[in-house]
C-alpha cells in the first residue's frame, strides 16, 4: 500500500450566472433586469472550474461558489454533476445591485467562512459586465497574490507553472499556494456531466448563505455597499467607414500598402 506524499488540495471556484440574451432590459436604477432572462454560467468561469477539476483529480476537492437569486440552486447542482464536490450560493435581497467591490467583499467573506483553501479560481471577466475587476479585488480582500488571464496551469513539485496571455505574447510564471488565478475564456472547456456525477449531485444539497451568515451589515451589501454607480447608458453602433470605394484589386492593394506604411512610420 502506498499513498500520495502531497496533502489533499482544496480549490474554491467562483462562478457567475450571466444572461444568455444580448437584449436584457434595465430597471430605473440602470441595473440589469435578470428576471425572466435565460442564464448560463460565464464561459471563463467554466474554464476555471475545469482547471480545478483536473488539478484535484484523485487528490483533492472542488467547491463552487456564486452569488445570486435562490433559483441558481438548480444550475449549481449541474456543476456538482460535472465534478464539483460542494456548491455554495450566497443569496440575500440585500445583495441586489452589488458592484464589483461589494461582490468581491461578499465572495471573500464566504471564502473565509468555508474554511482553508489552497487556491481560488475564477474567470478573467464576465460577459455581461466585462470589467475584469473581481479577481483582483478578491486578491486584495483576501491578501493573496493574483495571476490573471491564465491559459494553462500545471503542477511542478509543490509549485504551479502558469502561462498567461499578454498583449505582447505569453508569460510563464511559477507560483506557490495559496493564490488567486483568473482564467481566459475557452482555456479549459468544461467536461460534460456523467451518470455517476448526476447521481452524486442529486444527493448533495446546495448550501445557502445570507449576509448575516457572512457577518456583513446592510451598509456593506448591494447598492449601499457599492463604490460605483451607473449614471447613464448608451447604445452605439459603428458607422460605415468613410473614403472612396475601390473595386479594382490592384488599386486596393496599392492603397492598403500606402496606409500600412503611413501607420508604421
C-alpha atoms as a PDB file:
ATOM      1  CA  UNK A   1       0.000   0.000   0.000  1.00  0.00           C
ATOM      2  CA  UNK A   2       1.300   3.489  -0.897  1.00  0.00           C
ATOM      3  CA  UNK A   3      -0.047   6.972  -0.514  1.00  0.00           C
ATOM      4  CA  UNK A   4       0.391  10.391  -2.156  1.00  0.00           C
ATOM      5  CA  UNK A   5       3.073  12.438  -0.425  1.00  0.00           C
ATOM      6  CA  UNK A   6       1.135  15.657  -1.041  1.00  0.00           C
ATOM      7  CA  UNK A   7      -1.881  16.622   1.106  1.00  0.00           C
ATOM      8  CA  UNK A   8      -5.377  16.735  -0.351  1.00  0.00           C
ATOM      9  CA  UNK A   9      -5.855  20.010  -2.187  1.00  0.00           C
ATOM     10  CA  UNK A  10      -8.941  22.205  -1.872  1.00  0.00           C
ATOM     11  CA  UNK A  11      -9.713  24.646  -4.695  1.00  0.00           C
ATOM     12  CA  UNK A  12     -12.525  27.183  -4.416  1.00  0.00           C
ATOM     13  CA  UNK A  13     -14.044  28.268  -7.743  1.00  0.00           C
ATOM     14  CA  UNK A  14     -16.152  31.433  -8.063  1.00  0.00           C
ATOM     15  CA  UNK A  15     -18.704  31.318 -10.873  1.00  0.00           C
ATOM     16  CA  UNK A  16     -21.269  33.787 -12.169  1.00  0.00           C
ATOM     17  CA  UNK A  17     -24.588  33.272 -13.957  1.00  0.00           C
ATOM     18  CA  UNK A  18     -24.866  35.682 -16.893  1.00  0.00           C
ATOM     19  CA  UNK A  19     -27.761  36.459 -19.278  1.00  0.00           C
ATOM     20  CA  UNK A  20     -27.880  34.406 -22.459  1.00  0.00           C
ATOM     21  CA  UNK A  21     -29.581  37.182 -24.430  1.00  0.00           C
ATOM     22  CA  UNK A  22     -27.858  40.363 -25.614  1.00  0.00           C
ATOM     23  CA  UNK A  23     -31.096  42.389 -25.205  1.00  0.00           C
ATOM     24  CA  UNK A  24     -31.555  42.291 -21.420  1.00  0.00           C
ATOM     25  CA  UNK A  25     -33.589  45.231 -20.091  1.00  0.00           C
ATOM     26  CA  UNK A  26     -32.536  47.564 -17.264  1.00  0.00           C
ATOM     27  CA  UNK A  27     -34.556  48.997 -14.387  1.00  0.00           C
ATOM     28  CA  UNK A  28     -34.902  52.590 -13.175  1.00  0.00           C
ATOM     29  CA  UNK A  29     -31.506  52.404 -11.478  1.00  0.00           C
ATOM     30  CA  UNK A  30     -29.833  51.112 -14.663  1.00  0.00           C
ATOM     31  CA  UNK A  31     -29.366  47.642 -13.225  1.00  0.00           C
ATOM     32  CA  UNK A  32     -29.774  44.565 -15.429  1.00  0.00           C
ATOM     33  CA  UNK A  33     -33.224  43.007 -15.062  1.00  0.00           C
ATOM     34  CA  UNK A  34     -32.302  39.334 -14.832  1.00  0.00           C
ATOM     35  CA  UNK A  35     -35.824  38.134 -14.020  1.00  0.00           C
ATOM     36  CA  UNK A  36     -37.172  36.135 -16.929  1.00  0.00           C
ATOM     37  CA  UNK A  37     -33.858  36.216 -18.805  1.00  0.00           C
ATOM     38  CA  UNK A  38     -32.186  32.935 -19.665  1.00  0.00           C
ATOM     39  CA  UNK A  39     -28.975  32.389 -17.720  1.00  0.00           C
ATOM     40  CA  UNK A  40     -25.796  30.449 -18.366  1.00  0.00           C
ATOM     41  CA  UNK A  41     -22.536  30.043 -16.483  1.00  0.00           C
ATOM     42  CA  UNK A  42     -19.906  32.513 -17.606  1.00  0.00           C
ATOM     43  CA  UNK A  43     -17.589  30.827 -20.126  1.00  0.00           C
ATOM     44  CA  UNK A  44     -14.346  31.903 -18.445  1.00  0.00           C
ATOM     45  CA  UNK A  45     -15.672  30.632 -15.100  1.00  0.00           C
ATOM     46  CA  UNK A  46     -16.336  27.245 -16.691  1.00  0.00           C
ATOM     47  CA  UNK A  47     -12.659  27.169 -17.692  1.00  0.00           C
ATOM     48  CA  UNK A  48     -11.694  27.903 -14.088  1.00  0.00           C
ATOM     49  CA  UNK A  49     -13.846  25.001 -12.882  1.00  0.00           C
ATOM     50  CA  UNK A  50     -12.409  22.552 -15.408  1.00  0.00           C
ATOM     51  CA  UNK A  51      -8.839  23.549 -14.474  1.00  0.00           C
ATOM     52  CA  UNK A  52      -9.671  22.969 -10.802  1.00  0.00           C
ATOM     53  CA  UNK A  53     -11.210  19.561 -11.533  1.00  0.00           C
ATOM     54  CA  UNK A  54      -8.104  18.462 -13.422  1.00  0.00           C
ATOM     55  CA  UNK A  55      -5.746  19.638 -10.682  1.00  0.00           C
ATOM     56  CA  UNK A  56      -7.699  17.874  -7.935  1.00  0.00           C
ATOM     57  CA  UNK A  57      -8.432  14.658  -9.834  1.00  0.00           C
ATOM     58  CA  UNK A  58      -7.813  11.860  -7.356  1.00  0.00           C
ATOM     59  CA  UNK A  59      -6.169  14.139  -4.823  1.00  0.00           C
ATOM     60  CA  UNK A  60      -8.421  16.953  -3.763  1.00  0.00           C
ATOM     61  CA  UNK A  61     -11.831  18.562  -3.792  1.00  0.00           C
ATOM     62  CA  UNK A  62     -13.519  21.480  -5.522  1.00  0.00           C
ATOM     63  CA  UNK A  63     -16.082  23.887  -4.067  1.00  0.00           C
ATOM     64  CA  UNK A  64     -18.091  26.159  -6.381  1.00  0.00           C
ATOM     65  CA  UNK A  65     -19.314  29.484  -5.016  1.00  0.00           C
ATOM     66  CA  UNK A  66     -21.682  32.019  -6.533  1.00  0.00           C
ATOM     67  CA  UNK A  67     -23.927  34.920  -5.551  1.00  0.00           C
ATOM     68  CA  UNK A  68     -27.436  35.474  -6.854  1.00  0.00           C
ATOM     69  CA  UNK A  69     -31.120  34.542  -6.507  1.00  0.00           C
ATOM     70  CA  UNK A  70     -32.259  31.284  -4.928  1.00  0.00           C
ATOM     71  CA  UNK A  71     -33.189  29.888  -8.358  1.00  0.00           C
ATOM     72  CA  UNK A  72     -29.472  29.373  -9.050  1.00  0.00           C
ATOM     73  CA  UNK A  73     -29.514  26.332  -6.775  1.00  0.00           C
ATOM     74  CA  UNK A  74     -30.603  24.103  -9.667  1.00  0.00           C
ATOM     75  CA  UNK A  75     -27.874  25.275 -12.094  1.00  0.00           C
ATOM     76  CA  UNK A  76     -25.350  24.821  -9.272  1.00  0.00           C
ATOM     77  CA  UNK A  77     -26.442  21.193  -8.987  1.00  0.00           C
ATOM     78  CA  UNK A  78     -25.411  20.832 -12.633  1.00  0.00           C
ATOM     79  CA  UNK A  79     -21.874  21.860 -11.665  1.00  0.00           C
ATOM     80  CA  UNK A  80     -21.942  19.228  -8.932  1.00  0.00           C
ATOM     81  CA  UNK A  81     -22.845  16.698 -11.617  1.00  0.00           C
ATOM     82  CA  UNK A  82     -19.832  17.825 -13.635  1.00  0.00           C
ATOM     83  CA  UNK A  83     -17.424  17.099 -10.806  1.00  0.00           C
ATOM     84  CA  UNK A  84     -17.549  19.720  -8.050  1.00  0.00           C
ATOM     85  CA  UNK A  85     -17.882  18.235  -4.572  1.00  0.00           C
ATOM     86  CA  UNK A  86     -19.613  21.147  -2.858  1.00  0.00           C
ATOM     87  CA  UNK A  87     -21.794  24.045  -4.042  1.00  0.00           C
ATOM     88  CA  UNK A  88     -22.482  27.231  -2.091  1.00  0.00           C
ATOM     89  CA  UNK A  89     -24.916  30.019  -3.005  1.00  0.00           C
ATOM     90  CA  UNK A  90     -24.867  33.470  -1.416  1.00  0.00           C
ATOM     91  CA  UNK A  91     -28.464  34.621  -1.736  1.00  0.00           C
ATOM     92  CA  UNK A  92     -29.931  37.649   0.010  1.00  0.00           C
ATOM     93  CA  UNK A  93     -32.052  40.558  -1.239  1.00  0.00           C
ATOM     94  CA  UNK A  94     -29.569  42.867   0.475  1.00  0.00           C
ATOM     95  CA  UNK A  95     -27.019  41.842  -2.181  1.00  0.00           C
ATOM     96  CA  UNK A  96     -29.102  43.188  -5.094  1.00  0.00           C
ATOM     97  CA  UNK A  97     -27.351  45.766  -7.250  1.00  0.00           C
ATOM     98  CA  UNK A  98     -23.868  44.996  -5.944  1.00  0.00           C
ATOM     99  CA  UNK A  99     -20.969  46.383  -7.983  1.00  0.00           C
ATOM    100  CA  UNK A 100     -17.670  44.536  -8.306  1.00  0.00           C
ATOM    101  CA  UNK A 101     -16.419  45.879  -4.961  1.00  0.00           C
ATOM    102  CA  UNK A 102     -19.462  44.728  -2.987  1.00  0.00           C
ATOM    103  CA  UNK A 103     -19.489  41.429  -4.882  1.00  0.00           C
ATOM    104  CA  UNK A 104     -15.832  40.744  -4.095  1.00  0.00           C
ATOM    105  CA  UNK A 105     -16.417  41.621  -0.432  1.00  0.00           C
ATOM    106  CA  UNK A 106     -19.226  39.061  -0.166  1.00  0.00           C
ATOM    107  CA  UNK A 107     -17.288  36.360  -2.044  1.00  0.00           C
ATOM    108  CA  UNK A 108     -14.208  36.959   0.112  1.00  0.00           C
ATOM    109  CA  UNK A 109     -16.267  36.715   3.304  1.00  0.00           C
ATOM    110  CA  UNK A 110     -17.750  33.435   2.079  1.00  0.00           C
ATOM    111  CA  UNK A 111     -14.308  32.107   1.108  1.00  0.00           C
ATOM    112  CA  UNK A 112     -13.056  32.745   4.641  1.00  0.00           C
ATOM    113  CA  UNK A 113     -16.147  31.155   6.180  1.00  0.00           C
ATOM    114  CA  UNK A 114     -15.895  27.992   4.082  1.00  0.00           C
ATOM    115  CA  UNK A 115     -12.524  27.054   5.544  1.00  0.00           C
ATOM    116  CA  UNK A 116      -8.964  26.788   4.322  1.00  0.00           C
ATOM    117  CA  UNK A 117      -8.357  26.554   0.588  1.00  0.00           C
ATOM    118  CA  UNK A 118      -5.185  26.185  -1.455  1.00  0.00           C
ATOM    119  CA  UNK A 119      -6.302  28.358  -4.345  1.00  0.00           C
ATOM    120  CA  UNK A 120      -9.253  30.383  -5.555  1.00  0.00           C
ATOM    121  CA  UNK A 121     -10.032  30.141  -9.277  1.00  0.00           C
ATOM    122  CA  UNK A 122     -12.372  32.344 -11.332  1.00  0.00           C
ATOM    123  CA  UNK A 123     -12.826  33.630 -14.864  1.00  0.00           C
ATOM    124  CA  UNK A 124     -10.860  36.653 -16.024  1.00  0.00           C
ATOM    125  CA  UNK A 125     -14.093  38.584 -16.692  1.00  0.00           C
ATOM    126  CA  UNK A 126     -17.838  38.097 -17.082  1.00  0.00           C
ATOM    127  CA  UNK A 127     -19.517  38.549 -20.452  1.00  0.00           C
ATOM    128  CA  UNK A 128     -22.252  40.802 -19.015  1.00  0.00           C
ATOM    129  CA  UNK A 129     -20.120  43.434 -17.258  1.00  0.00           C
ATOM    130  CA  UNK A 130     -16.719  42.891 -18.934  1.00  0.00           C
ATOM    131  CA  UNK A 131     -14.928  44.728 -16.091  1.00  0.00           C
ATOM    132  CA  UNK A 132     -12.418  42.037 -15.109  1.00  0.00           C
ATOM    133  CA  UNK A 133     -12.180  43.644 -11.664  1.00  0.00           C
ATOM    134  CA  UNK A 134     -13.406  40.908  -9.308  1.00  0.00           C
ATOM    135  CA  UNK A 135     -10.293  38.649  -9.370  1.00  0.00           C
ATOM    136  CA  UNK A 136      -8.007  41.497  -8.321  1.00  0.00           C
ATOM    137  CA  UNK A 137     -10.487  42.759  -5.731  1.00  0.00           C
ATOM    138  CA  UNK A 138     -10.774  39.253  -4.284  1.00  0.00           C
ATOM    139  CA  UNK A 139      -6.987  39.049  -4.047  1.00  0.00           C
ATOM    140  CA  UNK A 140      -6.880  42.399  -2.253  1.00  0.00           C
ATOM    141  CA  UNK A 141      -9.657  41.423   0.157  1.00  0.00           C
ATOM    142  CA  UNK A 142      -8.027  38.080   0.999  1.00  0.00           C
ATOM    143  CA  UNK A 143      -4.436  39.359   0.992  1.00  0.00           C
ATOM    144  CA  UNK A 144      -3.316  36.876  -1.669  1.00  0.00           C
ATOM    145  CA  UNK A 145      -1.329  37.214  -4.917  1.00  0.00           C
ATOM    146  CA  UNK A 146      -3.272  37.113  -8.196  1.00  0.00           C
ATOM    147  CA  UNK A 147      -2.255  35.719 -11.588  1.00  0.00           C
ATOM    148  CA  UNK A 148      -4.635  36.899 -14.312  1.00  0.00           C
ATOM    149  CA  UNK A 149      -5.713  35.733 -17.780  1.00  0.00           C
ATOM    150  CA  UNK A 150      -4.164  32.287 -17.405  1.00  0.00           C
ATOM    151  CA  UNK A 151      -4.386  29.922 -20.382  1.00  0.00           C
ATOM    152  CA  UNK A 152      -2.663  26.890 -18.882  1.00  0.00           C
ATOM    153  CA  UNK A 153      -1.631  25.631 -15.454  1.00  0.00           C
ATOM    154  CA  UNK A 154       0.315  22.561 -14.337  1.00  0.00           C
ATOM    155  CA  UNK A 155       1.962  21.172 -11.241  1.00  0.00           C
ATOM    156  CA  UNK A 156       5.716  21.030 -10.743  1.00  0.00           C
ATOM    157  CA  UNK A 157       6.535  19.567  -7.354  1.00  0.00           C
ATOM    158  CA  UNK A 158       4.848  21.733  -4.753  1.00  0.00           C
ATOM    159  CA  UNK A 159       4.546  24.729  -7.107  1.00  0.00           C
ATOM    160  CA  UNK A 160       2.450  25.587 -10.120  1.00  0.00           C
ATOM    161  CA  UNK A 161       3.593  26.733 -13.558  1.00  0.00           C
ATOM    162  CA  UNK A 162       1.139  29.178 -15.124  1.00  0.00           C
ATOM    163  CA  UNK A 163       1.071  30.654 -18.617  1.00  0.00           C
ATOM    164  CA  UNK A 164      -0.848  33.881 -19.072  1.00  0.00           C
ATOM    165  CA  UNK A 165      -1.736  35.750 -22.228  1.00  0.00           C
ATOM    166  CA  UNK A 166      -0.414  39.316 -22.533  1.00  0.00           C
ATOM    167  CA  UNK A 167      -0.700  41.812 -25.378  1.00  0.00           C
ATOM    168  CA  UNK A 168       2.930  41.162 -26.351  1.00  0.00           C
ATOM    169  CA  UNK A 169       2.814  37.374 -26.057  1.00  0.00           C
ATOM    170  CA  UNK A 170       2.681  34.676 -23.378  1.00  0.00           C
ATOM    171  CA  UNK A 171       4.276  34.983 -19.935  1.00  0.00           C
ATOM    172  CA  UNK A 172       5.166  31.916 -17.862  1.00  0.00           C
ATOM    173  CA  UNK A 173       5.216  32.209 -14.077  1.00  0.00           C
ATOM    174  CA  UNK A 174       5.992  29.947 -11.139  1.00  0.00           C
ATOM    175  CA  UNK A 175       3.719  30.323  -8.124  1.00  0.00           C
ATOM    176  CA  UNK A 176       3.134  28.755  -4.725  1.00  0.00           C
ATOM    177  CA  UNK A 177      -0.150  28.272  -2.892  1.00  0.00           C
ATOM    178  CA  UNK A 178      -2.319  29.942  -1.777  1.00  0.00           C
ATOM    179  CA  UNK A 179      -3.174  32.326  -4.618  1.00  0.00           C
ATOM    180  CA  UNK A 180      -5.938  33.675  -6.850  1.00  0.00           C
ATOM    181  CA  UNK A 181      -5.966  32.610 -10.507  1.00  0.00           C
ATOM    182  CA  UNK A 182      -8.242  34.034 -13.201  1.00  0.00           C
ATOM    183  CA  UNK A 183      -8.622  32.044 -16.420  1.00  0.00           C
ATOM    184  CA  UNK A 184      -9.119  33.137 -20.013  1.00  0.00           C
ATOM    185  CA  UNK A 185     -12.343  32.054 -21.705  1.00  0.00           C
ATOM    186  CA  UNK A 186     -12.165  28.707 -23.529  1.00  0.00           C
ATOM    187  CA  UNK A 187      -8.788  27.864 -21.960  1.00  0.00           C
ATOM    188  CA  UNK A 188     -10.260  24.711 -20.386  1.00  0.00           C
ATOM    189  CA  UNK A 189     -13.572  23.579 -21.941  1.00  0.00           C
ATOM    190  CA  UNK A 190     -15.770  22.226 -19.153  1.00  0.00           C
ATOM    191  CA  UNK A 191     -16.483  18.488 -19.201  1.00  0.00           C
ATOM    192  CA  UNK A 192     -19.989  17.107 -19.547  1.00  0.00           C
ATOM    193  CA  UNK A 193     -21.855  15.552 -16.649  1.00  0.00           C
ATOM    194  CA  UNK A 194     -21.645  11.776 -16.300  1.00  0.00           C
ATOM    195  CA  UNK A 195     -24.162   9.314 -14.857  1.00  0.00           C
ATOM    196  CA  UNK A 196     -22.234   8.931 -11.598  1.00  0.00           C
ATOM    197  CA  UNK A 197     -21.911  12.696 -11.299  1.00  0.00           C
ATOM    198  CA  UNK A 198     -25.641  13.167 -11.777  1.00  0.00           C
ATOM    199  CA  UNK A 199     -26.382  10.626  -9.073  1.00  0.00           C
ATOM    200  CA  UNK A 200     -23.945  12.288  -6.685  1.00  0.00           C
ATOM    201  CA  UNK A 201     -25.438  15.726  -7.427  1.00  0.00           C
ATOM    202  CA  UNK A 202     -28.939  14.526  -6.505  1.00  0.00           C
ATOM    203  CA  UNK A 203     -27.633  13.521  -3.081  1.00  0.00           C
ATOM    204  CA  UNK A 204     -25.626  16.716  -2.482  1.00  0.00           C
ATOM    205  CA  UNK A 205     -27.666  19.743  -1.349  1.00  0.00           C
ATOM    206  CA  UNK A 206     -26.649  23.242  -2.395  1.00  0.00           C
ATOM    207  CA  UNK A 207     -25.665  25.238   0.696  1.00  0.00           C
ATOM    208  CA  UNK A 208     -27.180  28.710   1.186  1.00  0.00           C
ATOM    209  CA  UNK A 209     -25.520  31.699   2.848  1.00  0.00           C
ATOM    210  CA  UNK A 210     -27.043  35.088   3.721  1.00  0.00           C
ATOM    211  CA  UNK A 211     -25.414  38.418   4.521  1.00  0.00           C
ATOM    212  CA  UNK A 212     -25.945  37.705   8.228  1.00  0.00           C
ATOM    213  CA  UNK A 213     -24.203  34.335   7.862  1.00  0.00           C
ATOM    214  CA  UNK A 214     -21.191  36.170   6.436  1.00  0.00           C
ATOM    215  CA  UNK A 215     -21.180  38.837   9.138  1.00  0.00           C
ATOM    216  CA  UNK A 216     -21.990  41.590   6.636  1.00  0.00           C
ATOM    217  CA  UNK A 217     -24.144  44.593   7.528  1.00  0.00           C
ATOM    218  CA  UNK A 218     -26.741  46.068   5.129  1.00  0.00           C
ATOM    219  CA  UNK A 219     -24.371  49.026   4.583  1.00  0.00           C
ATOM    220  CA  UNK A 220     -21.770  46.624   3.184  1.00  0.00           C
ATOM    221  CA  UNK A 221     -24.095  44.885   0.725  1.00  0.00           C
ATOM    222  CA  UNK A 222     -25.693  45.582  -2.632  1.00  0.00           C
ATOM    223  CA  UNK A 223     -26.154  49.169  -3.769  1.00  0.00           C
ATOM    224  CA  UNK A 224     -25.372  50.561  -0.314  1.00  0.00           C
ATOM    225  CA  UNK A 225     -22.060  48.750  -0.202  1.00  0.00           C
ATOM    226  CA  UNK A 226     -21.060  49.658  -3.756  1.00  0.00           C
ATOM    227  CA  UNK A 227     -18.451  52.268  -4.597  1.00  0.00           C
ATOM    228  CA  UNK A 228     -19.669  52.850  -8.161  1.00  0.00           C
ATOM    229  CA  UNK A 229     -22.980  53.861  -9.736  1.00  0.00           C
ATOM    230  CA  UNK A 230     -24.182  53.598 -13.321  1.00  0.00           C
ATOM    231  CA  UNK A 231     -25.351  57.123 -14.184  1.00  0.00           C
ATOM    232  CA  UNK A 232     -26.097  56.755 -17.907  1.00  0.00           C
ATOM    233  CA  UNK A 233     -26.197  54.156 -20.677  1.00  0.00           C
ATOM    234  CA  UNK A 234     -25.958  54.473 -24.455  1.00  0.00           C
ATOM    235  CA  UNK A 235     -26.277  52.029 -27.302  1.00  0.00           C
ATOM    236  CA  UNK A 236     -23.888  52.807 -30.121  1.00  0.00           C
ATOM    237  CA  UNK A 237     -23.239  51.041 -33.382  1.00  0.00           C
ATOM    238  CA  UNK A 238     -20.158  51.577 -35.536  1.00  0.00           C
ATOM    239  CA  UNK A 239     -20.890  53.676 -38.598  1.00  0.00           C
ATOM    240  CA  UNK A 240     -19.792  52.973 -42.158  1.00  0.00           C
ATOM    241  CA  UNK A 241     -16.167  53.788 -42.884  1.00  0.00           C
ATOM    242  CA  UNK A 242     -15.632  56.953 -44.862  1.00  0.00           C
ATOM    243  CA  UNK A 243     -13.496  57.002 -48.004  1.00  0.00           C
ATOM    244  CA  UNK A 244     -13.618  56.118 -51.652  1.00  0.00           C
ATOM    245  CA  UNK A 245     -14.934  52.701 -52.574  1.00  0.00           C
ATOM    246  CA  UNK A 246     -12.474  50.738 -54.694  1.00  0.00           C
ATOM    247  CA  UNK A 247     -13.372  47.619 -56.674  1.00  0.00           C
ATOM    248  CA  UNK A 248     -10.078  47.125 -58.548  1.00  0.00           C
ATOM    249  CA  UNK A 249      -7.979  44.613 -56.540  1.00  0.00           C
ATOM    250  CA  UNK A 250      -4.646  46.010 -57.730  1.00  0.00           C
ATOM    251  CA  UNK A 251      -5.579  49.560 -56.821  1.00  0.00           C
ATOM    252  CA  UNK A 252      -6.890  48.338 -53.485  1.00  0.00           C
ATOM    253  CA  UNK A 253      -3.624  46.544 -52.675  1.00  0.00           C
ATOM    254  CA  UNK A 254      -1.584  49.672 -53.501  1.00  0.00           C
ATOM    255  CA  UNK A 255      -3.846  51.803 -51.299  1.00  0.00           C
ATOM    256  CA  UNK A 256      -3.674  49.308 -48.427  1.00  0.00           C
ATOM    257  CA  UNK A 257       0.130  49.209 -48.716  1.00  0.00           C
ATOM    258  CA  UNK A 258       0.232  53.013 -48.544  1.00  0.00           C
ATOM    259  CA  UNK A 259      -1.961  53.066 -45.433  1.00  0.00           C
ATOM    260  CA  UNK A 260       0.162  50.431 -43.691  1.00  0.00           C
ATOM    261  CA  UNK A 261       3.375  52.313 -44.489  1.00  0.00           C
ATOM    262  CA  UNK A 262       1.919  55.537 -43.073  1.00  0.00           C
ATOM    263  CA  UNK A 263       0.766  53.723 -39.954  1.00  0.00           C
ATOM    264  CA  UNK A 264       4.243  52.277 -39.404  1.00  0.00           C
ATOM    265  CA  UNK A 265       6.134  55.499 -39.968  1.00  0.00           C
END
